[in-house]
Protein backbone atom coordinates (compact mmCIF):
# COMPACT_ATOMS: atom_id res chain seq x y z
CA MET A 1 -4.76 17.01 -16.05
CA ASP A 2 -5.26 13.42 -14.21
CA VAL A 3 -2.06 11.25 -12.72
CA ALA A 4 -1.96 7.88 -12.73
CA PRO A 5 -2.97 6.38 -9.18
CA GLN A 6 0.55 4.92 -9.18
CA GLU A 7 3.19 4.36 -11.59
CA SER A 8 4.55 0.82 -12.47
CA SER A 9 7.89 1.33 -11.26
CA THR A 10 6.22 2.38 -7.74
CA GLN A 11 7.05 -0.28 -5.22
CA PHE A 12 5.41 -0.79 -1.51
CA LEU A 13 8.92 -2.48 -0.16
CA SER A 14 12.46 -0.49 -2.44
CA LEU A 15 15.13 -3.43 -2.96
CA GLU A 16 17.08 -1.05 -0.22
CA GLU A 17 13.75 -2.08 2.65
CA SER A 18 14.46 -5.43 0.97
CA ALA A 19 18.19 -5.68 1.91
CA LYS A 20 17.50 -4.68 5.44
CA VAL A 21 14.86 -7.00 6.38
CA ASP A 22 16.54 -9.78 4.53
CA ALA A 23 19.91 -9.02 7.08
CA ALA A 24 18.04 -8.83 10.47
CA LEU A 25 17.76 -11.61 12.76
CA LEU A 26 14.79 -12.59 12.07
CA SER A 27 13.04 -15.97 11.00
CA SER A 28 11.45 -16.11 7.86
CA SER A 29 7.81 -15.61 9.13
CA GLU A 30 9.02 -12.78 11.05
CA LYS A 31 10.87 -11.63 8.14
CA PHE A 32 7.51 -11.19 5.77
CA LEU A 33 5.61 -10.01 8.97
CA THR A 34 8.59 -7.31 8.58
CA ARG A 35 7.61 -6.81 5.00
CA LEU A 36 4.00 -6.58 5.24
CA THR A 37 4.11 -4.23 8.07
CA ILE A 38 6.39 -2.16 6.18
CA SER A 39 4.12 -2.23 2.96
CA SER A 40 1.15 -1.50 5.05
CA LEU A 41 2.42 1.81 6.13
CA LYS A 42 3.23 3.00 2.73
CA LEU A 43 -0.12 2.22 2.66
CA LEU A 44 -1.93 3.69 4.73
CA LYS A 45 -0.04 6.62 4.29
CA TYR A 46 -1.47 7.31 1.14
CA ILE A 47 -4.79 6.33 2.22
CA ALA A 48 -4.29 8.78 4.75
CA GLN A 49 -3.71 11.42 2.26
CA GLU A 50 -6.20 10.54 -0.18
CA TYR A 51 -8.68 11.34 2.77
CA SER A 52 -6.74 14.17 4.42
CA VAL A 53 -6.49 12.81 7.59
CA ALA A 54 -3.59 11.29 9.81
CA ILE A 55 -3.18 8.18 9.68
CA GLU A 56 -4.30 7.45 13.55
CA ASP A 57 -7.65 9.28 12.80
CA LEU A 58 -8.30 6.57 10.08
CA THR A 59 -11.30 4.36 11.05
CA THR A 60 -11.79 0.97 10.12
CA GLN A 61 -14.62 2.04 7.71
CA GLN A 62 -12.64 4.71 5.82
CA LEU A 63 -10.09 1.65 5.31
CA ILE A 64 -13.23 -0.49 3.88
CA GLU A 65 -14.36 2.35 1.49
CA TRP A 66 -10.98 3.08 0.34
CA PHE A 67 -10.37 -0.89 -0.39
CA GLU A 68 -14.04 -1.30 -1.95
CA LYS A 69 -13.37 2.31 -4.32
CA ASP A 70 -10.02 0.76 -5.68
CA SER A 71 -11.82 -2.95 -6.38
CA LYS A 72 -14.13 -0.96 -7.84
CA ILE A 73 -12.22 0.66 -10.39
CA ARG A 74 -9.73 -2.19 -10.82
CA ARG A 75 -12.92 -3.89 -12.36
CA GLU A 76 -13.86 -1.00 -14.06
CA GLN A 77 -10.90 0.68 -15.48
CA GLY A 78 -8.30 -2.48 -15.32
CA ILE A 79 -5.64 -2.98 -13.18
CA GLU A 80 -3.40 -0.05 -14.15
CA ALA A 81 -5.61 2.00 -13.06
CA ALA A 82 -6.17 0.81 -9.99
CA TYR A 83 -3.14 2.09 -6.94
CA LEU A 84 -3.31 -1.71 -6.10
CA LYS A 85 -1.65 -3.91 -8.92
CA TRP A 86 -3.06 -6.95 -7.46
């Protein structure tokens, strides 16, 4: 049985994480970068799992290929079939 790549309830930044960032003594731009970094870490963990490698072993080429694959899925099957929902 195929499982959807990402359930619609999956978020890259939880409400708790977002609240922690909001409470941090950071400027608005620093909070944005912090949210982006947390979200990126979660995405990198997912991509590394897909390639069965440690995050630190991911290559630039693997990241590019993964984004190309997800983009192709979005174009051919629709946004709900892709992992990234944008």
